[in-house]
Structures are given as structure tokens and as C-alpha cells.
Protein backbone atom coordinates (compact mmCIF):
# COMPACT_ATOMS: atom_id res chain seq x y z
CA UNK A 1 27.06 -26.96 146.82
CA UNK A 2 29.17 -29.47 148.28
CA UNK A 3 26.56 -32.35 148.34
CA UNK A 4 26.23 -32.02 144.90
CA UNK A 5 30.13 -31.93 144.13
CA UNK A 6 30.47 -35.44 146.16
CA UNK A 7 27.39 -37.00 144.28
CA UNK A 8 29.32 -35.44 141.08
CA UNK A 9 32.25 -37.10 141.38
CA UNK A 10 30.59 -40.42 142.98
CA UNK A 11 29.92 -41.77 139.64
CA UNK A 12 30.94 -41.10 136.06
CA UNK A 13 27.61 -41.16 134.77
CA UNK A 14 26.84 -38.22 137.53
CA UNK A 15 28.97 -36.43 135.82
CA UNK A 16 27.36 -37.34 132.50
CA UNK A 17 24.58 -35.84 133.45
CA UNK A 18 25.73 -32.63 135.19
CA UNK A 19 28.17 -31.77 132.67
CA UNK A 20 25.39 -32.47 130.05
CA UNK A 21 22.70 -30.04 131.75
CA UNK A 22 24.66 -27.62 132.76
CA UNK A 23 26.12 -27.20 129.25
CA UNK A 24 22.34 -26.81 128.08
CA UNK A 25 21.42 -23.01 130.14
CA UNK A 26 23.31 -20.11 128.83
CA UNK A 27 22.44 -19.53 132.73
CA UNK A 28 24.11 -22.48 134.20
CA UNK A 29 27.07 -22.63 131.78
CA UNK A 30 29.19 -21.26 134.19
CA UNK A 31 28.57 -24.39 136.41
CA UNK A 32 30.09 -26.55 133.62
CA UNK A 33 33.27 -24.83 133.15
CA UNK A 34 33.44 -25.45 137.42
CA UNK A 35 32.28 -28.82 137.66
CA UNK A 36 34.63 -29.54 134.37
CA UNK A 37 37.97 -28.30 137.09
CA UNK A 38 36.52 -29.90 139.56
CA UNK A 39 36.48 -33.81 137.50
CA UNK A 40 40.01 -32.86 136.51
CA UNK A 41 41.12 -32.30 139.85
CA UNK A 42 39.37 -35.45 141.50
CA UNK A 43 39.67 -37.96 138.47
CA UNK A 44 42.38 -36.64 136.52
CA UNK A 45 42.30 -35.30 132.86
CA UNK A 46 41.45 -38.70 130.83
CA UNK A 47 38.83 -39.61 132.50
CA UNK A 48 37.14 -36.07 132.75
CA UNK A 49 37.71 -35.79 129.13
CA UNK A 50 36.30 -39.17 128.72
CA UNK A 51 33.14 -37.56 130.52
CA UNK A 52 32.97 -34.75 128.72
CA UNK A 53 33.00 -36.20 125.30
CA UNK A 54 30.12 -39.11 126.34
CA UNK A 55 27.65 -35.69 127.40
CA UNK A 56 29.09 -34.34 124.03
CA UNK A 57 27.85 -37.14 122.52
CA UNK A 58 24.68 -36.92 124.51
CA UNK A 59 23.78 -33.27 123.72
CA UNK A 60 24.70 -33.64 119.84
CA UNK A 61 22.08 -36.36 119.80
CA UNK A 62 19.59 -34.31 121.63
CA UNK A 63 20.13 -30.88 119.07
CA UNK A 64 19.68 -33.26 116.40
CA UNK A 65 16.86 -34.52 117.67
CA UNK A 66 15.31 -31.11 118.25
CA UNK A 67 16.76 -30.08 114.90
CA UNK A 68 18.98 -27.39 116.60
CA UNK A 69 22.64 -27.23 114.74
CA UNK A 70 25.48 -29.46 116.63
CA UNK A 71 27.78 -26.80 115.94
CA UNK A 72 26.18 -24.89 119.13
CA UNK A 73 26.48 -27.74 121.12
CA UNK A 74 30.79 -28.04 119.72
CA UNK A 75 30.95 -24.24 119.78
CA UNK A 76 30.40 -24.49 123.69
CA UNK A 77 32.46 -27.24 124.52
CA UNK A 78 35.10 -25.93 122.90
CA UNK A 79 34.60 -22.70 124.59
CA UNK A 80 34.05 -23.86 128.43
CA UNK A 81 34.99 -27.08 128.70
CA UNK A 82 38.53 -27.14 127.02
CA UNK A 83 39.52 -24.16 128.81
CA UNK A 84 38.30 -25.68 132.04
CA UNK A 85 40.50 -29.07 130.99
CA UNK A 86 43.46 -26.65 130.40
CA UNK A 87 43.66 -24.77 133.69
CA UNK A 88 43.02 -28.08 135.86
CA UNK A 89 45.31 -29.34 134.28
CA UNK A 90 48.28 -26.24 135.19
CA UNK A 91 46.70 -26.41 138.81
CA UNK A 92 47.27 -30.37 138.93
CA UNK A 93 50.82 -29.66 137.66
CA UNK A 94 51.72 -26.32 139.59
CA UNK A 95 49.76 -27.58 142.53
CA UNK A 96 49.60 -24.04 143.24
CA UNK A 97 46.38 -21.57 142.52
CA UNK A 98 48.91 -18.34 142.22
CA UNK A 99 51.38 -20.20 140.06
CA UNK A 100 48.35 -21.46 138.18
CA UNK A 101 46.77 -17.58 138.07
CA UNK A 102 50.07 -16.50 136.77
CA UNK A 103 50.29 -18.48 134.04
CA UNK A 104 46.77 -17.22 133.01
CA UNK A 105 47.47 -13.82 132.94
CA UNK A 106 50.19 -14.57 131.04
CA UNK A 107 48.36 -16.48 128.20
CA UNK A 108 45.81 -13.43 128.35
CA UNK A 109 48.45 -10.85 127.50
CA UNK A 110 49.83 -13.64 124.55
CA UNK A 111 46.42 -14.18 123.49
CA UNK A 112 45.87 -10.52 123.06
CA UNK A 113 49.00 -10.13 120.79
CA UNK A 114 47.81 -12.89 118.67
CA UNK A 115 44.68 -11.14 118.19
CA UNK A 116 46.17 -8.24 116.94
CA UNK A 117 48.77 -10.24 114.70
CA UNK A 118 46.05 -12.37 113.25
CA UNK A 119 43.21 -9.61 113.00
CA UNK A 120 44.66 -7.38 110.13
CA UNK A 121 41.98 -4.75 110.38
CA UNK A 122 40.03 -4.49 113.91
CA UNK A 123 37.59 -1.88 113.32
CA UNK A 124 36.25 -4.02 110.55
CA UNK A 125 36.09 -6.95 112.28
CA UNK A 126 34.21 -5.52 114.92
CA UNK A 127 32.01 -3.58 113.17
CA UNK A 128 29.00 -5.65 113.77
CA UNK A 129 29.30 -5.46 117.24
CA UNK A 130 30.34 -1.86 117.41
CA UNK A 131 27.16 -0.66 115.13
CA UNK A 132 24.85 -2.67 117.74
CA UNK A 133 26.48 -0.96 120.70
CA UNK A 134 26.26 2.25 119.33
CA UNK A 135 22.39 1.58 118.24
CA UNK A 136 21.72 0.72 121.95
CA UNK A 137 23.42 4.18 123.26
CA UNK A 138 21.60 5.58 121.48
CA UNK A 139 18.47 4.63 122.28
CA UNK A 140 19.58 4.84 125.86
CA UNK A 141 20.58 8.48 126.12
CA UNK A 142 24.07 7.44 126.42
CA UNK A 143 25.05 10.43 123.44
CA UNK A 144 28.70 10.75 125.01
CA UNK A 145 29.57 7.51 124.49
CA UNK A 146 27.97 6.80 120.87
CA UNK A 147 29.81 10.20 119.87
CA UNK A 148 33.05 8.28 121.29
CA UNK A 149 32.28 5.33 119.47
CA UNK A 150 31.13 6.94 116.29
CA UNK A 151 34.05 9.29 115.85
CA UNK A 152 36.90 6.85 117.39
CA UNK A 153 36.08 3.19 116.07
CA UNK A 154 39.49 1.72 116.33
CA UNK A 155 39.74 3.07 120.12
CA UNK A 156 36.37 1.04 120.16
CA UNK A 157 38.01 -1.73 118.11
CA UNK A 158 40.75 -1.58 120.70
CA UNK A 159 38.43 -1.14 124.29
CA UNK A 160 36.85 -3.98 122.32
CA UNK A 161 38.91 -6.59 122.11
CA UNK A 162 40.43 -6.36 124.90
CA UNK A 163 37.24 -6.46 127.16
CA UNK A 164 37.05 -9.67 125.57
CA UNK A 165 39.91 -11.03 126.35
CA UNK A 166 39.67 -9.87 130.26
CA UNK A 167 35.98 -11.42 130.32
CA UNK A 168 37.76 -14.46 129.08
CA UNK A 169 40.15 -14.48 131.68
CA UNK A 170 37.39 -13.84 134.70
CA UNK A 171 35.40 -16.78 133.19
CA UNK A 172 38.49 -18.85 133.74
CA UNK A 173 39.34 -17.77 136.56
CA UNK A 174 36.04 -18.28 138.63
CA UNK A 175 36.55 -21.59 136.67
CA UNK A 176 39.49 -22.42 138.24
CA UNK A 177 38.43 -21.21 141.83
CA UNK A 178 35.40 -22.51 142.37
CA UNK A 179 36.19 -25.29 140.79
CA UNK A 180 39.56 -26.13 143.36
CA UNK A 181 37.06 -24.74 146.16
CA UNK A 182 34.45 -27.71 145.11
CA UNK A 183 37.47 -29.68 145.63
CA UNK A 184 38.76 -29.12 148.89
CA UNK A 185 35.04 -29.45 150.17
CA UNK A 186 35.12 -33.36 149.62
CA UNK A 187 35.88 -35.81 151.58
CA UNK A 188 39.24 -36.61 151.91
CA UNK A 189 40.84 -34.31 149.69
CA UNK A 190 42.85 -31.02 151.31
CA UNK A 191 45.23 -30.44 149.06
CA UNK A 192 47.69 -27.66 150.18
CA UNK A 193 47.34 -25.51 146.41
CA UNK A 194 47.27 -22.13 148.47
CA UNK A 195 44.56 -19.74 149.86
CA UNK A 196 42.91 -17.42 147.18
CA UNK A 197 43.91 -14.62 150.00
CA UNK A 198 47.57 -15.69 149.30
CA UNK A 199 47.06 -14.40 145.74
CA UNK A 200 50.13 -12.69 144.27
CA UNK A 201 50.83 -12.44 140.28
CA UNK A 202 54.22 -11.35 141.29
CA UNK A 203 56.71 -8.83 140.39
CA UNK A 204 58.20 -9.92 137.38
CA UNK A 205 54.08 -9.79 136.26
CA UNK A 206 54.09 -5.83 137.06
CA UNK A 207 57.78 -5.41 135.70
CA UNK A 208 56.76 -6.34 132.02
CA UNK A 209 53.65 -4.20 132.38
CA UNK A 210 55.15 -1.63 133.46
CA UNK A 211 57.46 -2.08 130.75
CA UNK A 212 54.97 -3.11 128.14
CA UNK A 213 53.12 0.60 128.85
CA UNK A 214 56.52 2.49 128.48
CA UNK A 215 57.35 0.80 125.37
CA UNK A 216 53.84 1.55 124.23
CA UNK A 217 53.82 5.32 124.85
CA UNK A 218 57.40 5.40 123.20
CA UNK A 219 56.78 3.90 119.93
CA UNK A 220 52.63 4.66 120.22
CA UNK A 221 51.41 1.55 119.27
CA UNK A 222 48.57 0.72 120.19
CA UNK A 223 48.27 -3.84 120.26
CA UNK A 224 51.39 -2.73 122.87
CA UNK A 225 49.31 -0.35 124.99
CA UNK A 226 46.52 -3.24 125.26
CA UNK A 227 48.50 -6.05 126.42
CA UNK A 228 50.07 -3.79 128.62
CA UNK A 229 46.38 -2.76 129.96
CA UNK A 230 45.13 -6.22 130.15
CA UNK A 231 47.93 -6.99 132.17
CA UNK A 232 47.41 -4.25 134.35
CA UNK A 233 43.78 -5.09 134.71
CA UNK A 234 44.62 -8.81 136.08
CA UNK A 235 45.59 -7.52 139.28
CA UNK A 236 42.29 -6.56 139.90
CA UNK A 237 41.94 -10.39 142.03
CA UNK A 238 44.82 -9.81 143.67
CA UNK A 239 43.46 -6.23 145.17
CA UNK A 240 40.09 -8.51 145.63
CA UNK A 241 42.48 -11.10 147.56
CA UNK A 242 43.80 -8.43 149.30
CA UNK A 243 40.45 -7.63 150.63
CA UNK A 244 39.81 -10.96 151.60
CA UNK A 245 43.30 -11.29 153.28
CA UNK A 246 42.39 -8.42 155.50
CA UNK A 247 39.04 -9.77 156.94
CA UNK A 248 41.04 -13.06 157.44
CA UNK A 249 43.26 -11.23 159.65
CA UNK A 250 40.65 -9.54 161.37
CA UNK A 251 41.64 -5.73 159.70
CA UNK A 252 37.99 -5.79 158.17
CA UNK A 253 34.61 -6.96 158.82
CA UNK A 254 32.69 -9.26 157.20
CA UNK A 255 30.84 -6.26 155.68
CA UNK A 256 33.22 -4.76 153.92
CA UNK A 257 33.76 -8.16 152.09
CA UNK A 258 30.14 -8.12 151.47
CA UNK A 259 29.81 -4.46 150.13
CA UNK A 260 32.50 -4.85 147.62
CA UNK A 261 31.05 -8.16 145.87
CA UNK A 262 27.23 -5.70 145.93
CA UNK A 263 28.87 -2.77 144.59
CA UNK A 264 30.43 -4.82 141.80
CA UNK A 265 27.31 -4.54 139.23
CA UNK A 266 27.06 -1.35 140.39
CA UNK A 267 30.72 0.71 140.00
CA UNK A 268 32.21 -2.53 137.83
CA UNK A 269 34.28 -0.38 135.88
CA UNK A 270 35.00 1.72 138.40
CA UNK A 271 35.67 -0.54 141.44
CA UNK A 272 37.84 -3.12 139.23
CA UNK A 273 40.21 -0.38 138.61
CA UNK A 274 40.41 0.66 142.28
CA UNK A 275 41.06 -3.21 142.99
CA UNK A 276 43.82 -3.54 140.25
CA UNK A 277 45.16 -0.06 141.72
CA UNK A 278 45.61 -2.22 144.85
CA UNK A 279 46.57 -5.36 143.48
CA UNK A 280 49.44 -3.60 141.33
CA UNK A 281 50.59 -1.77 144.39
CA UNK A 282 50.79 -4.94 146.49
CA UNK A 283 52.95 -7.00 143.95
CA UNK A 284 55.60 -4.14 144.19
CA UNK A 285 55.46 -3.29 147.89
CA UNK A 286 54.05 -6.12 149.92
CA UNK A 287 51.18 -5.24 152.00
CA UNK A 288 50.75 -8.28 153.59
CA UNK A 289 53.91 -9.22 153.94
CA UNK A 290 55.06 -6.26 155.62
CA UNK A 291 51.47 -5.84 157.60
CA UNK A 292 52.25 -9.61 159.03
CA UNK A 293 55.48 -8.65 160.00
CA UNK A 294 54.37 -6.18 162.54
């Protein structure tokens, strides 16, 4: 990836070509976001936006020639490049991956609250998606899940809302972390924005999450409960950072780190919850600081 990153930032036309090519295929779109963060960090916001605009114009022309709706290109640009530019700007301003991720967690919480505020009827909003999921669950003999979706549509709508917010947040976190990693790998670029293994969302966000959870239980507000869960779930990334720190400190073999990543697609929810618990408790008890002191 380092030679590709060096080639991409060498000339504006390389960046335009690479952005356009990676936005075409869904499989490569994650790289498009990563490359946009790299361009923002290397070239600055103005040039990165210009390169993105030229790449977008090129794709729109291709779409028109191929009789493909141009709005598909516009939607892809707005959902991938705009968040990548935003998170790249935040990283350039804060010069800290920890502070950038803290800001992104707060943005995810605000996005959840905003979604609940703007969408009056979540069940009706998610009806098309829940119908598809219900049919899929029945076809795969997932009777308990199907029954849950059928008998508790409100809960299903809440879960879909949280899932979309968290999936988007995790995707943007990947943009930032890998874009920054490529940036530091470029010749002559050695900015000290912190290490991923030192990532800490902090006690303030942990306290806000705890306060929201208690308040949601007292007043029975599902929108507040969902927001609290989103804030809790982001701590899985801090839990993963603790695993990386323990390996870097010689406390865990590399095999454990590899197994953690291998098990993610298999255990997904269970492993992410375990990492979230590890990360959340680390925010309060600071395992890494305590271990370093001994």
C-alpha cells in the first residue's frame, strides 16, 4: 500500500484517477474513503476537495454515457468522500487520533438523537428493511429472530437505527485510521498524532454514557437508551487498542491479536461487546497506565 500511497499523492491526476476508480466498485469504496483522508492530510482540504470534485465530474460523465443515473455517483460521493474530508479536517486540526475519535463518538451520539428527532415513526421508516430481514430470517430457519422482529417491531426499529449509526461510525473510523497510517508511511512524513494502541475515549464520554443509561431507565426513553448504547459500543475500538497495546508491551503474543481479528466475522456481536466492556472499563480504571507504572 505504501508505493500506491506515494504514487497517489505524487500528482493531482493520480489522485483523481485513484478516487474515481475506487468509487466505481462497492468492494473498493472503503479504499476511496481511506485515500480521501490521505489526500486531506497530505495536500490539505482545498486541493483534496478539488481532486474529489474533478473525479466526481469524471464519474458523472461516465455515468451519463453508460445511461446510469448520475445521482448514484452523487450519493456515493456524499456518503463516502464528504465524511472522509470531515474526519481528515478534524484530524488535521486536533493533531490527535484520540481526540478525533472522541469527537467522532460525540457526533455519532448526536446523529442518533437527531435521527430520533427527525423521524417521527421509526417502525414505518424501517418497515421495508425489516420486511426483507424477516423474510430472510424465515428462509434461513431463524425462528426466534423472526418472531422477535414480528412481535416487537419497535425494538427492531431501534436496533436497526443503532446498527446503521454504528456501522457508519466504524466505517469512518477505518477511513481515518488507515488514511493516517498511509500518511505516516509516506517518505518524509512523521507527524506525531498518537498511536492507535494508546486510544482512549476518556472518562467524560464514559460518564455521559452511564448518565444516559440511568436516565433512560428512569424515564423509559428508548431514544436515550439507544444513544447510550451507541456511546457504549464505540468503546470496542478502545478495547481493540488495549489488545494492541498489550502485544506492543510484550504481554500478548502476536497470535492473540491475529486470532482476535480472525474471530470478528465469526463471533462479531459477542466479540465486539467483549471488547467494548474491556474498552469501557479501561476508560475508568486505565489498565495500560497502571500496567506501565509497575
